Amino acid sequence: MKLNNLFFALAAAVMLWSCTSTEEHKIIKPLPAGYSADSLTDCTVPAVFSSDDFNMDSSSLTMTVYSEDYYDAVEVSQMQAGDTLVFQDRKVVVATIDDSDGILTINGGIEEGGAYLCGGEGGTYRSLQLDDHPVYSRLGRVTLPVADDLVIIDCGEDPDTPQDTITTDAGRYLKQATGWRRDFSELNTRVLIEHGVVTRIIRHWIP
């Protein structure tokens, strides 16, 4: 009887240890975007499109919508070896964490198959690619109406060139763009949507 009791006690201890070990290792994911590609009403979104995606006949723009990847600061501060960080749609099992000058280097950084994080606003950490660009998640492709008074604030040819503000025939400006100006990227483009209508497109210069 004593042997049986000892066996059950050991079995229960093993089960309890297994459950505890599983719970200790967390999966840390980017925070929800706060908007959905299925319901874009009043928001500003990173987007990808080209001049060909603007339809002058229907006054509409088809674009792929993204969101910047942010993480809860509390979850990141409690992150430890064995946890999993979802980064660039990859599951990174945390082995090492190095905090230097406000940048967290996970598993040696992107070059070693790891990740970079830095402090963001409002109790968050921001994901970092190489060249300090944020990491973006693709939410979906949408087609939205464009306002008659669409405004485009476009970057210059280099960082020292003033921005151009187009308030008249902005759609025609898009259609007549040439070279690299035909393509808009989530890295440099923000689209303002008001009441489900595209009212402003802002593209800033990036290296």
N, C-alpha and C. Protein backbone atom coordinates (compact mmCIF):
# COMPACT_ATOMS: atom_id res chain seq x y z
N MET A 1 0.83 -1.20 0.00
CA MET A 1 0.00 0.00 0.00
C MET A 1 0.86 1.26 0.00
N LYS A 2 1.93 1.22 0.81
CA LYS A 2 2.81 2.39 0.88
C LYS A 2 3.49 2.63 -0.45
N LEU A 3 3.87 1.52 -1.14
CA LEU A 3 4.51 1.67 -2.44
C LEU A 3 3.55 2.29 -3.45
N ASN A 4 2.28 1.87 -3.38
CA ASN A 4 1.28 2.44 -4.28
C ASN A 4 1.10 3.94 -4.02
N ASN A 5 1.04 4.29 -2.76
CA ASN A 5 0.88 5.70 -2.39
C ASN A 5 2.08 6.52 -2.88
N LEU A 6 3.27 5.94 -2.74
CA LEU A 6 4.48 6.63 -3.18
C LEU A 6 4.46 6.80 -4.70
N PHE A 7 4.02 5.75 -5.42
CA PHE A 7 3.96 5.82 -6.88
C PHE A 7 3.01 6.94 -7.33
N PHE A 8 1.82 7.00 -6.73
CA PHE A 8 0.85 8.03 -7.10
C PHE A 8 1.36 9.42 -6.74
N ALA A 9 2.04 9.55 -5.64
CA ALA A 9 2.59 10.84 -5.23
C ALA A 9 3.63 11.32 -6.23
N LEU A 10 4.51 10.39 -6.66
CA LEU A 10 5.54 10.74 -7.64
C LEU A 10 4.91 11.10 -8.98
N ALA A 11 3.89 10.35 -9.39
CA ALA A 11 3.21 10.62 -10.66
C ALA A 11 2.56 12.00 -10.62
N ALA A 12 1.91 12.32 -9.51
CA ALA A 12 1.27 13.63 -9.38
C ALA A 12 2.30 14.75 -9.41
N ALA A 13 3.46 14.51 -8.80
CA ALA A 13 4.51 15.54 -8.79
C ALA A 13 5.04 15.78 -10.19
N VAL A 14 5.21 14.68 -10.96
CA VAL A 14 5.70 14.81 -12.33
C VAL A 14 4.70 15.58 -13.18
N MET A 15 3.41 15.24 -13.03
CA MET A 15 2.37 15.94 -13.79
C MET A 15 2.33 17.42 -13.43
N LEU A 16 2.43 17.73 -12.16
CA LEU A 16 2.42 19.11 -11.71
C LEU A 16 3.63 19.86 -12.24
N TRP A 17 4.79 19.23 -12.23
CA TRP A 17 6.02 19.87 -12.77
C TRP A 17 5.89 20.13 -14.25
N SER A 18 5.31 19.18 -14.99
CA SER A 18 5.14 19.34 -16.44
C SER A 18 4.22 20.51 -16.74
N CYS A 19 3.11 20.60 -16.02
CA CYS A 19 2.18 21.71 -16.24
C CYS A 19 2.81 23.04 -15.91
N THR A 20 3.54 23.08 -14.81
CA THR A 20 4.19 24.32 -14.40
C THR A 20 5.22 24.75 -15.41
N SER A 21 5.99 23.79 -15.94
CA SER A 21 7.03 24.12 -16.90
C SER A 21 6.42 24.70 -18.18
N THR A 22 5.29 24.12 -18.62
CA THR A 22 4.63 24.59 -19.83
C THR A 22 4.13 26.01 -19.65
N GLU A 23 3.56 26.32 -18.50
CA GLU A 23 3.02 27.64 -18.24
C GLU A 23 4.11 28.70 -18.14
N GLU A 24 5.29 28.31 -17.75
CA GLU A 24 6.36 29.28 -17.56
C GLU A 24 6.84 29.86 -18.89
N HIS A 25 6.74 29.10 -19.97
CA HIS A 25 7.22 29.56 -21.27
C HIS A 25 6.07 30.23 -22.02
N LYS A 26 6.21 31.53 -22.24
CA LYS A 26 5.14 32.32 -22.84
C LYS A 26 5.40 32.54 -24.33
N ILE A 27 4.32 32.82 -25.06
CA ILE A 27 4.40 33.25 -26.45
C ILE A 27 4.06 34.74 -26.49
N ILE A 28 5.00 35.55 -26.95
CA ILE A 28 4.83 36.99 -26.96
C ILE A 28 4.56 37.43 -28.41
N LYS A 29 3.36 37.93 -28.66
CA LYS A 29 2.94 38.30 -30.00
C LYS A 29 2.79 39.82 -30.12
N PRO A 30 2.84 40.35 -31.35
CA PRO A 30 2.55 41.78 -31.53
C PRO A 30 1.14 42.11 -31.05
N LEU A 31 0.98 43.32 -30.56
CA LEU A 31 -0.33 43.78 -30.12
C LEU A 31 -1.27 43.91 -31.32
N PRO A 32 -2.58 43.77 -31.11
CA PRO A 32 -3.53 43.97 -32.21
C PRO A 32 -3.39 45.37 -32.81
N ALA A 33 -3.66 45.49 -34.10
CA ALA A 33 -3.42 46.75 -34.81
C ALA A 33 -4.35 47.88 -34.38
N GLY A 34 -5.55 47.55 -33.94
CA GLY A 34 -6.51 48.62 -33.61
C GLY A 34 -7.41 48.94 -34.78
N TYR A 35 -7.16 48.32 -35.93
CA TYR A 35 -8.05 48.46 -37.08
C TYR A 35 -7.94 47.18 -37.90
N SER A 36 -8.93 46.97 -38.75
CA SER A 36 -8.98 45.77 -39.57
C SER A 36 -9.14 46.15 -41.02
N ALA A 37 -8.55 45.35 -41.91
CA ALA A 37 -8.69 45.62 -43.34
C ALA A 37 -10.14 45.51 -43.78
N ASP A 38 -10.94 44.78 -43.02
CA ASP A 38 -12.35 44.62 -43.37
C ASP A 38 -13.20 45.80 -42.95
N SER A 39 -12.65 46.67 -42.11
CA SER A 39 -13.45 47.79 -41.60
C SER A 39 -12.55 48.99 -41.34
N LEU A 40 -12.24 49.73 -42.41
CA LEU A 40 -11.39 50.91 -42.30
C LEU A 40 -12.27 52.15 -42.40
N THR A 41 -12.50 52.79 -41.26
CA THR A 41 -13.38 53.96 -41.26
C THR A 41 -12.61 55.24 -40.96
N ASP A 42 -12.04 55.33 -39.77
CA ASP A 42 -11.29 56.53 -39.38
C ASP A 42 -9.96 56.11 -38.79
N CYS A 43 -8.92 56.14 -39.60
CA CYS A 43 -7.61 55.69 -39.16
C CYS A 43 -6.55 56.14 -40.16
N THR A 44 -5.29 56.01 -39.74
CA THR A 44 -4.16 56.25 -40.63
C THR A 44 -3.37 54.95 -40.72
N VAL A 45 -3.13 54.47 -41.94
CA VAL A 45 -2.55 53.15 -42.11
C VAL A 45 -1.31 53.20 -43.00
N PRO A 46 -0.29 52.38 -42.70
CA PRO A 46 0.79 52.16 -43.67
C PRO A 46 0.21 51.35 -44.83
N ALA A 47 0.62 51.68 -46.05
CA ALA A 47 0.01 51.00 -47.20
C ALA A 47 1.00 50.85 -48.35
N VAL A 48 0.72 49.86 -49.19
CA VAL A 48 1.51 49.59 -50.39
C VAL A 48 0.58 49.67 -51.60
N PHE A 49 0.98 50.45 -52.60
CA PHE A 49 0.23 50.52 -53.85
C PHE A 49 1.10 51.19 -54.91
N SER A 50 0.64 51.17 -56.13
CA SER A 50 1.33 51.87 -57.21
C SER A 50 0.35 52.80 -57.90
N SER A 51 0.86 53.62 -58.80
CA SER A 51 -0.01 54.53 -59.54
C SER A 51 -1.09 53.78 -60.30
N ASP A 52 -0.78 52.56 -60.75
CA ASP A 52 -1.76 51.77 -61.50
C ASP A 52 -2.94 51.34 -60.63
N ASP A 53 -2.77 51.39 -59.31
CA ASP A 53 -3.85 50.98 -58.41
C ASP A 53 -4.88 52.08 -58.17
N PHE A 54 -4.61 53.27 -58.71
CA PHE A 54 -5.57 54.36 -58.59
C PHE A 54 -6.46 54.35 -59.84
N ASN A 55 -7.79 54.28 -59.63
CA ASN A 55 -8.75 54.26 -60.73
C ASN A 55 -9.42 55.62 -60.83
N MET A 56 -9.10 56.35 -61.88
CA MET A 56 -9.66 57.70 -62.04
C MET A 56 -11.14 57.66 -62.37
N ASP A 57 -11.57 56.61 -63.08
CA ASP A 57 -12.99 56.53 -63.48
C ASP A 57 -13.91 56.37 -62.27
N SER A 58 -13.48 55.53 -61.32
CA SER A 58 -14.32 55.29 -60.14
C SER A 58 -13.84 56.07 -58.92
N SER A 59 -12.77 56.86 -59.09
CA SER A 59 -12.17 57.60 -57.97
C SER A 59 -11.95 56.68 -56.77
N SER A 60 -11.19 55.61 -57.00
CA SER A 60 -10.92 54.65 -55.94
C SER A 60 -9.45 54.26 -55.94
N LEU A 61 -9.01 53.75 -54.82
CA LEU A 61 -7.63 53.31 -54.66
C LEU A 61 -7.61 51.90 -54.08
N THR A 62 -6.89 51.00 -54.74
CA THR A 62 -6.70 49.65 -54.21
C THR A 62 -5.30 49.58 -53.60
N MET A 63 -5.23 49.13 -52.36
CA MET A 63 -3.95 49.13 -51.65
C MET A 63 -3.90 47.95 -50.69
N THR A 64 -2.67 47.58 -50.33
CA THR A 64 -2.46 46.57 -49.31
C THR A 64 -2.15 47.27 -48.00
N VAL A 65 -2.94 46.97 -46.99
CA VAL A 65 -2.85 47.66 -45.70
C VAL A 65 -1.98 46.87 -44.73
N TYR A 66 -1.15 47.60 -43.98
CA TYR A 66 -0.24 47.01 -42.99
C TYR A 66 -0.44 47.65 -41.62
N SER A 67 0.18 47.07 -40.63
CA SER A 67 0.24 47.68 -39.30
C SER A 67 1.65 47.49 -38.75
N GLU A 68 2.12 48.46 -37.96
CA GLU A 68 3.42 48.32 -37.31
C GLU A 68 3.31 47.34 -36.15
N ASP A 69 4.36 46.56 -35.95
CA ASP A 69 4.36 45.58 -34.87
C ASP A 69 4.89 46.20 -33.58
N TYR A 70 4.00 46.26 -32.59
CA TYR A 70 4.36 46.70 -31.25
C TYR A 70 4.08 45.58 -30.26
N TYR A 71 4.82 45.60 -29.14
CA TYR A 71 4.66 44.57 -28.12
C TYR A 71 4.38 45.23 -26.78
N ASP A 72 3.64 44.53 -25.94
CA ASP A 72 3.36 45.01 -24.60
C ASP A 72 4.65 45.08 -23.79
N ALA A 73 4.93 46.24 -23.19
CA ALA A 73 6.19 46.44 -22.48
C ALA A 73 6.33 45.51 -21.28
N VAL A 74 5.23 45.21 -20.62
CA VAL A 74 5.30 44.33 -19.46
C VAL A 74 5.69 42.92 -19.89
N GLU A 75 5.07 42.43 -20.97
CA GLU A 75 5.41 41.10 -21.46
C GLU A 75 6.88 41.02 -21.88
N VAL A 76 7.36 42.07 -22.54
CA VAL A 76 8.75 42.06 -22.99
C VAL A 76 9.70 42.12 -21.79
N SER A 77 9.36 42.94 -20.80
CA SER A 77 10.24 43.07 -19.63
C SER A 77 10.33 41.77 -18.85
N GLN A 78 9.31 40.93 -18.96
CA GLN A 78 9.30 39.65 -18.25
C GLN A 78 9.79 38.49 -19.13
N MET A 79 10.15 38.80 -20.37
CA MET A 79 10.59 37.76 -21.30
C MET A 79 11.87 37.10 -20.79
N GLN A 80 11.95 35.77 -20.95
CA GLN A 80 13.10 35.03 -20.48
C GLN A 80 13.41 33.88 -21.42
N ALA A 81 14.54 33.27 -21.22
CA ALA A 81 14.94 32.14 -22.05
C ALA A 81 13.87 31.05 -22.01
N GLY A 82 13.56 30.52 -23.18
CA GLY A 82 12.51 29.51 -23.29
C GLY A 82 11.21 30.05 -23.80
N ASP A 83 10.99 31.38 -23.66
CA ASP A 83 9.80 32.01 -24.22
C ASP A 83 9.92 32.08 -25.74
N THR A 84 8.79 32.32 -26.41
CA THR A 84 8.78 32.43 -27.86
C THR A 84 8.30 33.83 -28.25
N LEU A 85 9.10 34.51 -29.08
CA LEU A 85 8.76 35.83 -29.58
C LEU A 85 8.36 35.70 -31.05
N VAL A 86 7.15 36.15 -31.38
CA VAL A 86 6.72 36.16 -32.78
C VAL A 86 7.24 37.44 -33.42
N PHE A 87 8.15 37.28 -34.39
CA PHE A 87 8.85 38.41 -34.99
C PHE A 87 8.99 38.16 -36.48
N GLN A 88 8.53 39.12 -37.31
CA GLN A 88 8.56 38.96 -38.77
C GLN A 88 7.89 37.66 -39.19
N ASP A 89 6.77 37.36 -38.54
CA ASP A 89 6.01 36.12 -38.82
C ASP A 89 6.82 34.87 -38.53
N ARG A 90 7.89 34.99 -37.76
CA ARG A 90 8.69 33.84 -37.34
C ARG A 90 8.52 33.63 -35.85
N LYS A 91 8.61 32.38 -35.42
CA LYS A 91 8.60 32.07 -34.00
C LYS A 91 10.04 31.92 -33.52
N VAL A 92 10.49 32.90 -32.75
CA VAL A 92 11.87 32.92 -32.25
C VAL A 92 11.87 32.43 -30.81
N VAL A 93 12.44 31.27 -30.58
CA VAL A 93 12.57 30.75 -29.21
C VAL A 93 13.74 31.47 -28.55
N VAL A 94 13.46 32.18 -27.49
CA VAL A 94 14.44 33.06 -26.86
C VAL A 94 15.52 32.24 -26.15
N ALA A 95 16.75 32.52 -26.52
CA ALA A 95 17.89 31.89 -25.84
C ALA A 95 18.68 32.93 -25.07
N THR A 96 18.93 34.10 -25.71
CA THR A 96 19.68 35.16 -25.05
C THR A 96 18.99 36.50 -25.26
N ILE A 97 19.13 37.38 -24.28
CA ILE A 97 18.59 38.74 -24.36
C ILE A 97 19.69 39.70 -23.92
N ASP A 98 20.07 40.61 -24.81
CA ASP A 98 21.09 41.60 -24.49
C ASP A 98 20.48 42.99 -24.57
N ASP A 99 20.56 43.74 -23.48
CA ASP A 99 20.01 45.10 -23.43
C ASP A 99 21.17 46.09 -23.48
N SER A 100 21.27 46.80 -24.62
CA SER A 100 22.37 47.75 -24.81
C SER A 100 21.84 49.02 -25.44
N ASP A 101 22.02 50.16 -24.73
CA ASP A 101 21.59 51.46 -25.23
C ASP A 101 20.11 51.49 -25.61
N GLY A 102 19.30 50.80 -24.82
CA GLY A 102 17.86 50.84 -25.06
C GLY A 102 17.36 49.91 -26.13
N ILE A 103 18.23 49.10 -26.71
CA ILE A 103 17.82 48.15 -27.75
C ILE A 103 18.02 46.73 -27.22
N LEU A 104 16.96 45.94 -27.28
CA LEU A 104 17.04 44.54 -26.88
C LEU A 104 17.43 43.70 -28.09
N THR A 105 18.51 42.96 -27.94
CA THR A 105 18.96 42.07 -29.00
C THR A 105 18.65 40.64 -28.57
N ILE A 106 17.74 40.01 -29.31
CA ILE A 106 17.31 38.65 -28.99
C ILE A 106 18.08 37.67 -29.87
N ASN A 107 18.74 36.72 -29.24
CA ASN A 107 19.47 35.66 -29.96
C ASN A 107 20.46 36.21 -30.99
N GLY A 108 21.13 37.30 -30.64
CA GLY A 108 22.15 37.85 -31.53
C GLY A 108 21.62 38.76 -32.62
N GLY A 109 20.31 39.03 -32.64
CA GLY A 109 19.76 39.95 -33.63
C GLY A 109 19.30 39.27 -34.91
N ILE A 110 18.77 40.06 -35.83
CA ILE A 110 18.20 39.53 -37.07
C ILE A 110 19.24 38.74 -37.87
N GLU A 111 20.47 39.23 -37.87
CA GLU A 111 21.51 38.57 -38.65
C GLU A 111 21.75 37.12 -38.21
N GLU A 112 21.44 36.84 -36.94
CA GLU A 112 21.65 35.50 -36.40
C GLU A 112 20.34 34.72 -36.27
N GLY A 113 19.28 35.24 -36.93
CA GLY A 113 17.98 34.58 -36.84
C GLY A 113 17.15 35.02 -35.64
N GLY A 114 17.62 36.08 -34.95
CA GLY A 114 16.90 36.58 -33.78
C GLY A 114 16.06 37.79 -34.09
N ALA A 115 16.09 38.77 -33.18
CA ALA A 115 15.21 39.94 -33.32
C ALA A 115 15.81 41.14 -32.60
N TYR A 116 15.29 42.33 -32.98
CA TYR A 116 15.62 43.57 -32.29
C TYR A 116 14.33 44.23 -31.82
N LEU A 117 14.35 44.76 -30.60
CA LEU A 117 13.23 45.53 -30.06
C LEU A 117 13.78 46.78 -29.40
N CYS A 118 12.99 47.88 -29.47
CA CYS A 118 13.37 49.09 -28.74
C CYS A 118 12.12 49.69 -28.11
N GLY A 119 12.32 50.58 -27.16
CA GLY A 119 11.20 51.18 -26.45
C GLY A 119 10.32 52.00 -27.37
N GLY A 120 9.01 51.81 -27.24
CA GLY A 120 8.04 52.58 -28.01
C GLY A 120 7.25 53.51 -27.10
N GLU A 121 6.13 54.01 -27.61
CA GLU A 121 5.30 54.93 -26.83
C GLU A 121 4.15 54.17 -26.17
N GLY A 122 3.66 54.74 -25.08
CA GLY A 122 2.47 54.19 -24.44
C GLY A 122 2.64 52.80 -23.88
N GLY A 123 3.77 52.53 -23.25
CA GLY A 123 3.98 51.22 -22.62
C GLY A 123 4.16 50.09 -23.62
N THR A 124 4.93 50.35 -24.66
CA THR A 124 5.15 49.33 -25.68
C THR A 124 6.64 49.21 -26.02
N TYR A 125 6.96 48.14 -26.71
CA TYR A 125 8.24 47.98 -27.38
C TYR A 125 7.96 47.93 -28.88
N ARG A 126 8.85 48.49 -29.67
CA ARG A 126 8.69 48.52 -31.11
C ARG A 126 9.68 47.54 -31.75
N SER A 127 9.22 46.84 -32.76
CA SER A 127 10.09 45.93 -33.49
C SER A 127 11.00 46.71 -34.42
N LEU A 128 12.18 46.17 -34.68
CA LEU A 128 13.15 46.84 -35.54
C LEU A 128 13.69 45.88 -36.59
N GLN A 129 13.70 46.35 -37.85
CA GLN A 129 14.43 45.65 -38.88
C GLN A 129 15.82 46.28 -38.97
N LEU A 130 16.59 45.83 -39.95
CA LEU A 130 17.85 46.50 -40.22
C LEU A 130 17.55 47.90 -40.74
N ASP A 131 18.47 48.83 -40.59
CA ASP A 131 18.27 50.24 -40.95
C ASP A 131 17.21 50.91 -40.08
N ASP A 132 16.89 50.29 -38.95
CA ASP A 132 15.97 50.85 -37.95
C ASP A 132 14.53 50.97 -38.44
N HIS A 133 14.17 50.36 -39.56
CA HIS A 133 12.78 50.37 -40.00
C HIS A 133 11.95 49.46 -39.09
N PRO A 134 10.69 49.83 -38.82
CA PRO A 134 9.83 48.94 -38.05
C PRO A 134 9.50 47.67 -38.83
N VAL A 135 9.02 46.67 -38.13
CA VAL A 135 8.48 45.48 -38.77
C VAL A 135 6.98 45.69 -38.95
N TYR A 136 6.48 45.31 -40.12
CA TYR A 136 5.06 45.49 -40.43
C TYR A 136 4.39 44.14 -40.68
N SER A 137 3.11 44.07 -40.31
CA SER A 137 2.30 42.89 -40.60
C SER A 137 1.27 43.23 -41.67
N ARG A 138 1.14 42.36 -42.65
CA ARG A 138 0.17 42.56 -43.73
C ARG A 138 -1.23 42.20 -43.23
N LEU A 139 -2.18 43.13 -43.39
CA LEU A 139 -3.54 42.89 -42.92
C LEU A 139 -4.49 42.50 -44.05
N GLY A 140 -4.23 42.98 -45.26
CA GLY A 140 -5.11 42.62 -46.36
C GLY A 140 -5.14 43.69 -47.44
N ARG A 141 -5.76 43.36 -48.57
CA ARG A 141 -5.86 44.26 -49.71
C ARG A 141 -7.28 44.78 -49.81
N VAL A 142 -7.43 46.08 -49.98
CA VAL A 142 -8.75 46.71 -49.96
C VAL A 142 -8.86 47.72 -51.10
N THR A 143 -10.08 48.05 -51.46
CA THR A 143 -10.37 49.12 -52.41
C THR A 143 -11.31 50.12 -51.73
N LEU A 144 -10.88 51.39 -51.68
CA LEU A 144 -11.66 52.42 -51.00
C LEU A 144 -11.89 53.61 -51.94
N PRO A 145 -13.01 54.31 -51.73
CA PRO A 145 -13.22 55.54 -52.50
C PRO A 145 -12.23 56.62 -52.09
N VAL A 146 -11.94 57.50 -53.04
CA VAL A 146 -10.99 58.59 -52.80
C VAL A 146 -11.76 59.91 -52.82
N ALA A 147 -11.47 60.80 -51.89
CA ALA A 147 -12.16 62.08 -51.80
C ALA A 147 -11.84 62.95 -53.02
N ASP A 148 -12.83 63.76 -53.41
CA ASP A 148 -12.62 64.68 -54.54
C ASP A 148 -11.51 65.67 -54.23
N ASP A 149 -11.37 66.03 -52.96
CA ASP A 149 -10.33 66.98 -52.56
C ASP A 149 -9.13 66.27 -51.94
N LEU A 150 -8.80 65.10 -52.47
CA LEU A 150 -7.63 64.33 -51.99
C LEU A 150 -6.39 65.21 -51.97
N VAL A 151 -5.64 65.10 -50.88
CA VAL A 151 -4.37 65.83 -50.73
C VAL A 151 -3.23 64.82 -50.70
N ILE A 152 -2.19 65.09 -51.48
CA ILE A 152 -0.98 64.26 -51.44
C ILE A 152 0.19 65.12 -50.98
N ILE A 153 0.85 64.66 -49.93
CA ILE A 153 2.08 65.32 -49.45
C ILE A 153 3.21 64.37 -49.78
N ASP A 154 4.00 64.74 -50.77
CA ASP A 154 5.00 63.82 -51.31
C ASP A 154 6.41 64.30 -50.99
N CYS A 155 7.29 63.34 -50.75
CA CYS A 155 8.67 63.65 -50.40
C CYS A 155 9.43 64.16 -51.62
N GLY A 156 10.56 64.80 -51.35
CA GLY A 156 11.42 65.25 -52.43
C GLY A 156 12.35 64.14 -52.90
N GLU A 157 13.29 64.52 -53.76
CA GLU A 157 14.22 63.55 -54.30
C GLU A 157 15.26 63.10 -53.28
N ASP A 158 15.48 63.90 -52.25
CA ASP A 158 16.45 63.58 -51.21
C ASP A 158 15.97 64.21 -49.91
N PRO A 159 16.61 63.90 -48.78
CA PRO A 159 16.10 64.39 -47.50
C PRO A 159 16.12 65.90 -47.34
N ASP A 160 16.93 66.59 -48.14
CA ASP A 160 17.03 68.04 -48.03
C ASP A 160 16.05 68.78 -48.95
N THR A 161 15.35 68.05 -49.81
CA THR A 161 14.40 68.66 -50.73
C THR A 161 13.05 68.83 -50.04
N PRO A 162 12.43 70.01 -50.12
CA PRO A 162 11.13 70.21 -49.48
C PRO A 162 10.06 69.27 -50.04
N GLN A 163 9.06 68.98 -49.22
CA GLN A 163 7.95 68.16 -49.67
C GLN A 163 7.06 68.95 -50.64
N ASP A 164 6.41 68.21 -51.54
CA ASP A 164 5.41 68.80 -52.43
C ASP A 164 4.03 68.52 -51.87
N THR A 165 3.18 69.52 -51.85
CA THR A 165 1.80 69.34 -51.41
C THR A 165 0.88 69.55 -52.60
N ILE A 166 0.18 68.49 -52.98
CA ILE A 166 -0.69 68.53 -54.15
C ILE A 166 -2.13 68.55 -53.68
N THR A 167 -2.82 69.62 -53.96
CA THR A 167 -4.21 69.78 -53.53
C THR A 167 -5.18 69.83 -54.70
N THR A 168 -4.66 69.93 -55.92
CA THR A 168 -5.50 69.98 -57.12
C THR A 168 -5.11 68.85 -58.05
N ASP A 169 -6.12 68.12 -58.55
CA ASP A 169 -5.87 66.98 -59.46
C ASP A 169 -4.84 66.02 -58.88
N ALA A 170 -5.02 65.66 -57.60
CA ALA A 170 -4.08 64.74 -56.95
C ALA A 170 -4.09 63.38 -57.62
N GLY A 171 -5.27 62.97 -58.10
CA GLY A 171 -5.35 61.69 -58.79
C GLY A 171 -4.54 61.69 -60.07
N ARG A 172 -4.58 62.78 -60.79
CA ARG A 172 -3.80 62.89 -62.02
C ARG A 172 -2.30 62.88 -61.71
N TYR A 173 -1.95 63.48 -60.57
CA TYR A 173 -0.54 63.46 -60.14
C TYR A 173 -0.07 62.02 -59.97
N LEU A 174 -0.92 61.18 -59.37
CA LEU A 174 -0.57 59.78 -59.19
C LEU A 174 -0.40 59.08 -60.53
N LYS A 175 -1.34 59.29 -61.43
CA LYS A 175 -1.31 58.59 -62.71
C LYS A 175 -0.14 59.02 -63.58
N GLN A 176 0.33 60.24 -63.40
CA GLN A 176 1.41 60.75 -64.24
C GLN A 176 2.79 60.55 -63.61
N ALA A 177 2.83 59.95 -62.43
CA ALA A 177 4.11 59.71 -61.76
C ALA A 177 4.97 58.76 -62.59
N THR A 178 6.28 58.96 -62.54
CA THR A 178 7.21 58.13 -63.30
C THR A 178 8.29 57.56 -62.39
N GLY A 179 8.96 56.52 -62.87
CA GLY A 179 10.08 55.95 -62.11
C GLY A 179 9.66 55.44 -60.75
N TRP A 180 10.53 55.65 -59.79
CA TRP A 180 10.27 55.15 -58.44
C TRP A 180 9.10 55.83 -57.77
N ARG A 181 8.70 57.00 -58.29
CA ARG A 181 7.57 57.72 -57.68
C ARG A 181 6.23 57.03 -57.92
N ARG A 182 6.21 56.04 -58.80
CA ARG A 182 4.97 55.31 -59.04
C ARG A 182 4.64 54.34 -57.91
N ASP A 183 5.64 54.00 -57.11
CA ASP A 183 5.47 52.95 -56.10
C ASP A 183 5.51 53.52 -54.69
N PHE A 184 4.51 53.15 -53.91
CA PHE A 184 4.38 53.59 -52.52
C PHE A 184 4.52 52.37 -51.62
N SER A 185 5.30 52.53 -50.54
CA SER A 185 5.64 51.41 -49.67
C SER A 185 5.14 51.64 -48.26
N GLU A 186 4.90 50.52 -47.53
CA GLU A 186 4.52 50.65 -46.12
C GLU A 186 5.61 51.32 -45.30
N LEU A 187 6.85 51.30 -45.79
CA LEU A 187 7.95 51.92 -45.06
C LEU A 187 7.89 53.45 -45.09
N ASN A 188 7.30 54.00 -46.16
CA ASN A 188 7.33 55.46 -46.29
C ASN A 188 5.98 56.12 -46.51
N THR A 189 4.91 55.34 -46.56
CA THR A 189 3.60 55.89 -46.93
C THR A 189 2.57 55.70 -45.83
N ARG A 190 1.82 56.77 -45.57
CA ARG A 190 0.69 56.71 -44.64
C ARG A 190 -0.54 57.25 -45.36
N VAL A 191 -1.64 56.51 -45.22
CA VAL A 191 -2.90 56.88 -45.88
C VAL A 191 -3.92 57.23 -44.80
N LEU A 192 -4.45 58.44 -44.87
CA LEU A 192 -5.47 58.88 -43.92
C LEU A 192 -6.85 58.54 -44.48
N ILE A 193 -7.63 57.84 -43.67
CA ILE A 193 -8.98 57.42 -44.07
C ILE A 193 -9.97 58.06 -43.11
N GLU A 194 -10.94 58.78 -43.65
CA GLU A 194 -11.97 59.42 -42.84
C GLU A 194 -13.34 58.98 -43.34
N HIS A 195 -14.12 58.40 -42.43
CA HIS A 195 -15.45 57.90 -42.77
C HIS A 195 -15.40 56.94 -43.96
N GLY A 196 -14.33 56.14 -44.02
CA GLY A 196 -14.20 55.15 -45.06
C GLY A 196 -13.70 55.66 -46.40
N VAL A 197 -13.27 56.93 -46.43
CA VAL A 197 -12.81 57.56 -47.67
C VAL A 197 -11.37 58.00 -47.51
N VAL A 198 -10.54 57.74 -48.54
CA VAL A 198 -9.14 58.18 -48.53
C VAL A 198 -9.11 59.69 -48.76
N THR A 199 -8.59 60.43 -47.79
CA THR A 199 -8.56 61.89 -47.89
C THR A 199 -7.14 62.47 -48.01
N ARG A 200 -6.15 61.68 -47.59
CA ARG A 200 -4.79 62.21 -47.63
C ARG A 200 -3.78 61.08 -47.77
N ILE A 201 -2.77 61.29 -48.59
CA ILE A 201 -1.66 60.34 -48.75
C ILE A 201 -0.37 61.09 -48.46
N ILE A 202 0.40 60.57 -47.52
CA ILE A 202 1.66 61.22 -47.13
C ILE A 202 2.80 60.22 -47.34
N ARG A 203 3.79 60.66 -48.12
CA ARG A 203 4.97 59.82 -48.34
C ARG A 203 6.20 60.60 -47.89
N HIS A 204 6.94 60.04 -46.94
CA HIS A 204 8.15 60.70 -46.47
C HIS A 204 9.39 60.02 -47.06
N TRP A 205 10.46 60.75 -47.11
CA TRP A 205 11.70 60.24 -47.70
C TRP A 205 12.36 59.24 -46.76
N ILE A 206 12.83 58.14 -47.32
CA ILE A 206 13.62 57.18 -46.54
C ILE A 206 14.85 56.81 -47.34
N PRO A 207 15.93 56.41 -46.68
CA PRO A 207 17.14 56.03 -47.41
C PRO A 207 16.94 54.73 -48.19
